[in-house]
Every structure is written in C-alpha cells, then in structure tokens.
C-alpha cells in the first residue's frame, strides 16, 4: 500500500494514538517525519521519539504525552497537502491560539516552529498546526 501523504499519515497516527490512550505509536520513518517529531518534542507536545532500523527499513516510535489523563495535543491539523501547498512569508506566519499553539513550518533552514521561524526571519511551507 502506498501512502500519498506521509506527513498526513504520521499526524493521523499521532491523533488516533492519543484518542485511543496509547503510550506510543509506531510509523515508518523519514527525514520529514523525524523533523516534525523533533519540533513536537522541543515544544513539549510529545514525550520522546526514537528511530530504529530493522534491516533496511527504519521506523519511528513516538512516546505520547498526557496531562491529568488528557492528551497534551488537543488539535493537530494538516495545512499544506501534496495537492495544495501553502506557503507564507515571514510576516504572514500564523499564530495558533494567539501564540499558545504552534505552527510547524518547513523553511530553507529546516523544519522549525513558527516562533523560531519568525526569530530567524524565515517563511516557508506550513506543514501543520498544533494546539
């Protein structure tokens, strides 16, 4: 089975895992998925992630985070899709919930949170919104 939107699949696995109260989720690994997981970990939305190799296949295991029995991630929305890419300049980057949430942006300097992208003066493709 081929996946048309690998990042969308990764985000859906995280959403479904949190709704089912799983401790962790496992997904095929890629550089883009690892970069998104790194931003989610830096911003405190997931506990940890680990990449493991089994022969020539790599998988990424994401340890989900809960607070008082509720998932830390309340909303995880894919913005830019393979059929409709969404790009914004440094001055047009979205603020999620007035700065309480995070937009994950793919910039020329790598995958960054919206705050870091603004601080570095970078715009780019808006991957997803997390709140």
N, C-alpha and C. Protein backbone atom coordinates (compact mmCIF):
# COMPACT_ATOMS: atom_id res chain seq x y z
N UNK A 1 0.84 -1.18 0.00
CA UNK A 1 0.00 0.00 0.00
C UNK A 1 0.88 1.24 0.00
N UNK A 2 0.63 2.12 -0.93
CA UNK A 2 1.41 3.35 -0.99
C UNK A 2 0.68 4.45 -0.22
N UNK A 3 1.46 5.34 0.33
CA UNK A 3 0.91 6.46 1.09
C UNK A 3 1.14 7.72 0.27
N UNK A 4 0.06 8.44 -0.03
CA UNK A 4 0.18 9.65 -0.84
C UNK A 4 0.66 10.83 -0.02
N UNK A 5 0.35 10.86 1.25
CA UNK A 5 0.72 11.98 2.12
C UNK A 5 1.38 11.42 3.39
N UNK A 6 2.69 11.19 3.37
CA UNK A 6 3.36 10.58 4.52
C UNK A 6 3.26 11.40 5.80
N UNK A 7 3.35 12.73 5.70
CA UNK A 7 3.25 13.57 6.90
C UNK A 7 1.83 13.52 7.45
N UNK A 8 0.85 13.57 6.56
CA UNK A 8 -0.55 13.46 6.98
C UNK A 8 -0.82 12.14 7.67
N UNK A 9 -0.24 11.06 7.15
CA UNK A 9 -0.38 9.74 7.77
C UNK A 9 0.24 9.74 9.17
N UNK A 10 1.42 10.35 9.30
CA UNK A 10 2.11 10.43 10.59
C UNK A 10 1.28 11.20 11.62
N UNK A 11 0.73 12.33 11.20
CA UNK A 11 -0.08 13.14 12.11
C UNK A 11 -1.36 12.40 12.50
N UNK A 12 -1.96 11.68 11.57
CA UNK A 12 -3.16 10.91 11.86
C UNK A 12 -2.86 9.79 12.85
N UNK A 13 -1.71 9.15 12.71
CA UNK A 13 -1.33 8.10 13.67
C UNK A 13 -1.18 8.68 15.08
N UNK A 14 -0.62 9.88 15.19
CA UNK A 14 -0.49 10.53 16.50
C UNK A 14 -1.87 10.86 17.06
N UNK A 15 -2.74 11.45 16.24
CA UNK A 15 -4.11 11.78 16.68
C UNK A 15 -4.86 10.54 17.15
N UNK A 16 -4.82 9.48 16.33
CA UNK A 16 -5.54 8.25 16.67
C UNK A 16 -4.96 7.59 17.92
N UNK A 17 -3.64 7.62 18.06
CA UNK A 17 -2.99 7.04 19.23
C UNK A 17 -3.40 7.76 20.51
N UNK A 18 -3.50 9.06 20.44
CA UNK A 18 -3.90 9.82 21.63
C UNK A 18 -5.37 9.60 21.96
N UNK A 19 -6.23 9.49 20.95
CA UNK A 19 -7.65 9.24 21.21
C UNK A 19 -7.84 7.86 21.84
N UNK A 20 -6.99 6.90 21.45
CA UNK A 20 -7.09 5.55 21.99
C UNK A 20 -6.28 5.38 23.27
N UNK A 21 -5.67 6.47 23.77
CA UNK A 21 -4.88 6.48 25.01
C UNK A 21 -3.68 5.52 24.96
N UNK A 22 -3.05 5.42 23.79
CA UNK A 22 -1.85 4.58 23.64
C UNK A 22 -0.66 5.27 24.28
N UNK A 23 0.31 4.46 24.71
CA UNK A 23 1.54 5.03 25.28
C UNK A 23 2.46 5.52 24.17
N UNK A 24 2.46 4.82 23.04
CA UNK A 24 3.31 5.21 21.93
C UNK A 24 2.69 4.76 20.61
N UNK A 25 3.16 5.35 19.53
CA UNK A 25 2.75 4.93 18.18
C UNK A 25 4.01 4.61 17.39
N UNK A 26 3.87 3.77 16.37
CA UNK A 26 4.99 3.40 15.52
C UNK A 26 4.60 3.72 14.08
N UNK A 27 5.53 4.30 13.34
CA UNK A 27 5.28 4.70 11.96
C UNK A 27 6.56 4.47 11.15
N UNK A 28 6.43 4.26 9.84
CA UNK A 28 7.64 4.24 9.02
C UNK A 28 8.37 5.57 9.16
N UNK A 29 9.67 5.54 9.09
CA UNK A 29 10.46 6.74 9.34
C UNK A 29 10.90 7.40 8.03
N UNK A 30 11.03 8.72 8.08
CA UNK A 30 11.62 9.51 7.00
C UNK A 30 12.23 10.74 7.65
N UNK A 31 13.03 11.46 6.89
CA UNK A 31 13.66 12.67 7.43
C UNK A 31 12.60 13.70 7.80
N UNK A 32 11.55 13.80 6.99
CA UNK A 32 10.50 14.78 7.26
C UNK A 32 9.75 14.42 8.54
N UNK A 33 9.42 13.14 8.73
CA UNK A 33 8.72 12.71 9.94
C UNK A 33 9.58 12.92 11.17
N UNK A 34 10.88 12.65 11.05
CA UNK A 34 11.79 12.86 12.17
C UNK A 34 11.88 14.34 12.53
N UNK A 35 11.88 15.21 11.51
CA UNK A 35 11.95 16.65 11.75
C UNK A 35 10.68 17.15 12.45
N UNK A 36 9.52 16.66 12.03
CA UNK A 36 8.26 17.05 12.66
C UNK A 36 8.24 16.55 14.11
N UNK A 37 8.68 15.31 14.33
CA UNK A 37 8.73 14.75 15.69
C UNK A 37 9.68 15.56 16.57
N UNK A 38 10.80 16.01 16.01
CA UNK A 38 11.76 16.81 16.79
C UNK A 38 11.13 18.13 17.23
N UNK A 39 10.37 18.78 16.35
CA UNK A 39 9.71 20.04 16.72
C UNK A 39 8.65 19.78 17.78
N UNK A 40 7.86 18.70 17.62
CA UNK A 40 6.84 18.37 18.62
C UNK A 40 7.47 18.10 19.98
N UNK A 41 8.64 17.45 19.99
CA UNK A 41 9.32 17.18 21.27
C UNK A 41 9.87 18.48 21.87
N UNK A 42 10.48 19.33 21.05
CA UNK A 42 11.04 20.59 21.53
C UNK A 42 9.96 21.49 22.12
N UNK A 43 8.76 21.45 21.55
CA UNK A 43 7.66 22.28 22.02
C UNK A 43 6.88 21.63 23.16
N UNK A 44 7.21 20.39 23.53
CA UNK A 44 6.59 19.74 24.68
C UNK A 44 5.28 19.02 24.40
N UNK A 45 5.00 18.72 23.13
CA UNK A 45 3.74 18.04 22.79
C UNK A 45 3.86 16.52 22.83
N UNK A 46 5.06 15.99 22.69
CA UNK A 46 5.28 14.55 22.85
C UNK A 46 6.40 14.34 23.85
N UNK A 47 6.42 13.17 24.47
CA UNK A 47 7.44 12.90 25.48
C UNK A 47 8.79 12.64 24.84
N UNK A 48 8.81 11.79 23.79
CA UNK A 48 10.07 11.42 23.17
C UNK A 48 9.79 10.72 21.84
N UNK A 49 10.83 10.53 21.06
CA UNK A 49 10.72 9.72 19.85
C UNK A 49 12.05 9.01 19.64
N UNK A 50 11.99 7.86 18.98
CA UNK A 50 13.20 7.08 18.72
C UNK A 50 13.10 6.45 17.35
N UNK A 51 14.21 6.45 16.62
CA UNK A 51 14.26 5.85 15.29
C UNK A 51 15.02 4.54 15.41
N UNK A 52 14.41 3.46 14.92
CA UNK A 52 15.05 2.15 14.95
C UNK A 52 15.13 1.60 13.54
N UNK A 53 16.19 0.85 13.27
CA UNK A 53 16.38 0.25 11.95
C UNK A 53 16.25 -1.26 12.06
N UNK A 54 15.44 -1.83 11.19
CA UNK A 54 15.27 -3.28 11.11
C UNK A 54 15.63 -3.68 9.70
N UNK A 55 16.89 -4.03 9.50
CA UNK A 55 17.36 -4.29 8.15
C UNK A 55 17.47 -2.98 7.39
N UNK A 56 16.76 -2.87 6.27
CA UNK A 56 16.81 -1.62 5.51
C UNK A 56 15.59 -0.75 5.76
N UNK A 57 14.69 -1.17 6.66
CA UNK A 57 13.51 -0.37 6.99
C UNK A 57 13.73 0.34 8.32
N UNK A 58 13.45 1.64 8.34
CA UNK A 58 13.55 2.41 9.58
C UNK A 58 12.15 2.75 10.04
N UNK A 59 11.94 2.68 11.36
CA UNK A 59 10.66 3.07 11.93
C UNK A 59 10.91 4.12 13.01
N UNK A 60 9.90 4.93 13.24
CA UNK A 60 9.97 5.94 14.28
C UNK A 60 8.88 5.62 15.31
N UNK A 61 9.28 5.54 16.56
CA UNK A 61 8.33 5.30 17.66
C UNK A 61 8.21 6.60 18.45
N UNK A 62 6.98 7.09 18.57
CA UNK A 62 6.72 8.35 19.26
C UNK A 62 6.02 8.04 20.57
N UNK A 63 6.62 8.45 21.70
CA UNK A 63 6.00 8.29 23.00
C UNK A 63 5.08 9.48 23.24
N UNK A 64 3.80 9.19 23.38
CA UNK A 64 2.80 10.24 23.52
C UNK A 64 2.78 10.79 24.94
N UNK A 65 2.28 12.00 25.09
CA UNK A 65 2.31 12.69 26.38
C UNK A 65 0.89 13.03 26.81
N UNK A 66 0.60 12.80 28.09
CA UNK A 66 -0.71 13.09 28.67
C UNK A 66 -0.52 13.94 29.91
N UNK A 67 -1.52 14.76 30.22
CA UNK A 67 -1.50 15.56 31.44
C UNK A 67 -2.85 15.41 32.11
N UNK A 68 -2.87 14.95 33.33
CA UNK A 68 -4.09 14.72 34.11
C UNK A 68 -5.05 13.81 33.35
N UNK A 69 -4.49 12.80 32.68
CA UNK A 69 -5.31 11.83 31.96
C UNK A 69 -5.81 12.28 30.61
N UNK A 70 -5.49 13.52 30.20
CA UNK A 70 -5.93 14.02 28.90
C UNK A 70 -4.73 14.19 27.97
N UNK A 71 -4.92 13.98 26.69
CA UNK A 71 -3.81 14.18 25.74
C UNK A 71 -3.33 15.63 25.75
N UNK A 72 -2.03 15.82 25.64
CA UNK A 72 -1.46 17.17 25.58
C UNK A 72 -1.85 17.84 24.26
N UNK A 73 -1.90 17.07 23.19
CA UNK A 73 -2.28 17.62 21.89
C UNK A 73 -3.80 17.57 21.78
N UNK A 74 -4.42 18.74 21.76
CA UNK A 74 -5.87 18.80 21.62
C UNK A 74 -6.27 18.87 20.16
N UNK A 75 -5.45 19.55 19.35
CA UNK A 75 -5.77 19.73 17.94
C UNK A 75 -4.51 19.59 17.11
N UNK A 76 -4.56 18.77 16.07
CA UNK A 76 -3.43 18.54 15.18
C UNK A 76 -3.98 18.54 13.76
N UNK A 77 -3.74 19.63 13.02
CA UNK A 77 -4.38 19.83 11.73
C UNK A 77 -3.31 19.97 10.64
N UNK A 78 -3.44 19.19 9.58
CA UNK A 78 -2.55 19.30 8.42
C UNK A 78 -3.00 20.48 7.59
N UNK A 79 -2.08 21.39 7.24
CA UNK A 79 -2.43 22.58 6.47
C UNK A 79 -2.03 22.39 5.00
N UNK A 80 -0.76 22.17 4.75
CA UNK A 80 -0.25 22.02 3.39
C UNK A 80 -0.30 20.55 3.01
N UNK A 81 -0.97 20.25 1.90
CA UNK A 81 -1.09 18.86 1.45
C UNK A 81 -0.34 18.71 0.12
N UNK A 82 -0.11 17.48 -0.33
CA UNK A 82 0.58 17.31 -1.61
C UNK A 82 -0.16 17.96 -2.79
N UNK A 83 -1.48 18.03 -2.72
CA UNK A 83 -2.23 18.62 -3.82
C UNK A 83 -2.41 20.13 -3.68
N UNK A 84 -2.22 20.67 -2.49
CA UNK A 84 -2.38 22.11 -2.26
C UNK A 84 -1.35 22.58 -1.23
N UNK A 85 -0.22 23.03 -1.73
CA UNK A 85 0.84 23.52 -0.85
C UNK A 85 0.49 24.93 -0.37
N UNK A 86 0.79 25.21 0.90
CA UNK A 86 0.50 26.52 1.47
C UNK A 86 1.82 27.12 1.95
N UNK A 87 2.21 28.23 1.33
CA UNK A 87 3.44 28.92 1.67
C UNK A 87 3.10 30.30 2.23
N UNK A 88 3.87 30.73 3.22
CA UNK A 88 3.68 32.06 3.81
C UNK A 88 5.04 32.69 4.02
N UNK A 89 5.07 34.01 3.90
CA UNK A 89 6.28 34.76 4.17
C UNK A 89 6.48 34.92 5.67
N UNK A 90 7.62 35.45 6.07
CA UNK A 90 7.94 35.58 7.49
C UNK A 90 6.94 36.45 8.24
N UNK A 91 6.34 37.43 7.58
CA UNK A 91 5.39 38.32 8.23
C UNK A 91 3.96 37.78 8.23
N UNK A 92 3.72 36.71 7.47
CA UNK A 92 2.38 36.15 7.34
C UNK A 92 2.21 34.82 8.08
N UNK A 93 3.21 34.39 8.84
CA UNK A 93 3.12 33.10 9.54
C UNK A 93 1.98 33.14 10.55
N UNK A 94 1.19 32.07 10.64
CA UNK A 94 0.03 32.08 11.54
C UNK A 94 0.43 31.96 13.01
N UNK A 95 -0.37 32.55 13.87
CA UNK A 95 -0.24 32.37 15.31
C UNK A 95 -1.40 31.49 15.74
N UNK A 96 -1.10 30.34 16.29
CA UNK A 96 -2.12 29.39 16.68
C UNK A 96 -2.58 29.72 18.10
N UNK A 97 -3.87 29.93 18.27
CA UNK A 97 -4.48 30.29 19.56
C UNK A 97 -3.76 31.48 20.20
N UNK A 98 -3.44 32.47 19.42
CA UNK A 98 -2.80 33.67 19.94
C UNK A 98 -1.41 33.43 20.50
N UNK A 99 -0.72 32.40 20.00
CA UNK A 99 0.63 32.10 20.46
C UNK A 99 0.70 30.94 21.43
N UNK A 100 -0.44 30.39 21.85
CA UNK A 100 -0.42 29.25 22.77
C UNK A 100 -0.15 27.94 22.05
N UNK A 101 -0.49 27.87 20.77
CA UNK A 101 -0.23 26.69 19.96
C UNK A 101 1.00 26.92 19.10
N UNK A 102 1.26 25.95 18.22
CA UNK A 102 2.46 26.01 17.38
C UNK A 102 2.08 25.68 15.94
N UNK A 103 2.65 26.41 15.02
CA UNK A 103 2.59 26.05 13.60
C UNK A 103 3.96 25.49 13.25
N UNK A 104 3.98 24.34 12.58
CA UNK A 104 5.25 23.74 12.17
C UNK A 104 5.49 24.14 10.72
N UNK A 105 6.65 24.78 10.47
CA UNK A 105 6.97 25.38 9.19
C UNK A 105 8.21 24.71 8.60
N UNK A 106 8.16 24.38 7.31
CA UNK A 106 9.33 23.88 6.60
C UNK A 106 10.00 25.07 5.92
N UNK A 107 11.17 25.44 6.41
CA UNK A 107 11.89 26.61 5.90
C UNK A 107 13.17 26.16 5.19
N UNK A 108 13.85 27.07 4.52
CA UNK A 108 15.14 26.72 3.93
C UNK A 108 16.18 26.31 4.98
N UNK A 109 15.98 26.71 6.23
CA UNK A 109 16.90 26.35 7.30
C UNK A 109 16.45 25.11 8.07
N UNK A 110 15.46 24.39 7.55
CA UNK A 110 14.96 23.18 8.19
C UNK A 110 13.54 23.35 8.69
N UNK A 111 13.04 22.34 9.37
CA UNK A 111 11.69 22.37 9.91
C UNK A 111 11.75 23.04 11.27
N UNK A 112 10.96 24.14 11.42
CA UNK A 112 11.00 24.95 12.63
C UNK A 112 9.59 25.23 13.13
N UNK A 113 9.50 25.62 14.40
CA UNK A 113 8.23 26.11 14.92
C UNK A 113 8.04 27.53 14.39
N UNK A 114 6.81 28.04 14.46
CA UNK A 114 6.55 29.39 13.94
C UNK A 114 7.35 30.45 14.70
N UNK A 115 7.53 30.26 16.00
CA UNK A 115 8.30 31.24 16.78
C UNK A 115 9.76 31.31 16.32
N UNK A 116 10.38 30.14 16.12
CA UNK A 116 11.77 30.12 15.68
C UNK A 116 11.91 30.66 14.26
N UNK A 117 10.93 30.35 13.41
CA UNK A 117 10.98 30.84 12.03
C UNK A 117 10.89 32.36 12.01
N UNK A 118 10.02 32.93 12.84
CA UNK A 118 9.91 34.39 12.93
C UNK A 118 11.21 35.00 13.45
N UNK A 119 11.79 34.36 14.47
CA UNK A 119 13.03 34.87 15.06
C UNK A 119 14.18 34.84 14.04
N UNK A 120 14.19 33.82 13.17
CA UNK A 120 15.25 33.72 12.16
C UNK A 120 14.91 34.46 10.87
N UNK A 121 13.70 35.04 10.81
CA UNK A 121 13.29 35.78 9.63
C UNK A 121 13.03 34.90 8.43
N UNK A 122 12.47 33.72 8.67
CA UNK A 122 12.23 32.75 7.60
C UNK A 122 10.74 32.51 7.40
N UNK A 123 10.32 32.41 6.17
CA UNK A 123 8.99 31.95 5.82
C UNK A 123 9.12 30.57 5.23
N UNK A 124 8.00 29.98 4.82
CA UNK A 124 8.08 28.66 4.21
C UNK A 124 6.75 27.98 4.13
N UNK A 125 6.80 26.66 3.95
CA UNK A 125 5.59 25.86 3.82
C UNK A 125 5.03 25.53 5.19
N UNK A 126 3.76 25.78 5.40
CA UNK A 126 3.12 25.49 6.69
C UNK A 126 2.69 24.04 6.68
N UNK A 127 3.35 23.21 7.46
CA UNK A 127 3.08 21.77 7.47
C UNK A 127 1.79 21.49 8.26
N UNK A 128 1.74 21.95 9.51
CA UNK A 128 0.57 21.65 10.33
C UNK A 128 0.45 22.66 11.48
N UNK A 129 -0.71 22.63 12.12
CA UNK A 129 -0.98 23.46 13.30
C UNK A 129 -1.22 22.53 14.48
N UNK A 130 -0.61 22.85 15.63
CA UNK A 130 -0.74 22.03 16.83
C UNK A 130 -1.21 22.91 17.97
N UNK A 131 -2.20 22.41 18.70
CA UNK A 131 -2.69 23.15 19.85
C UNK A 131 -3.03 22.17 20.96
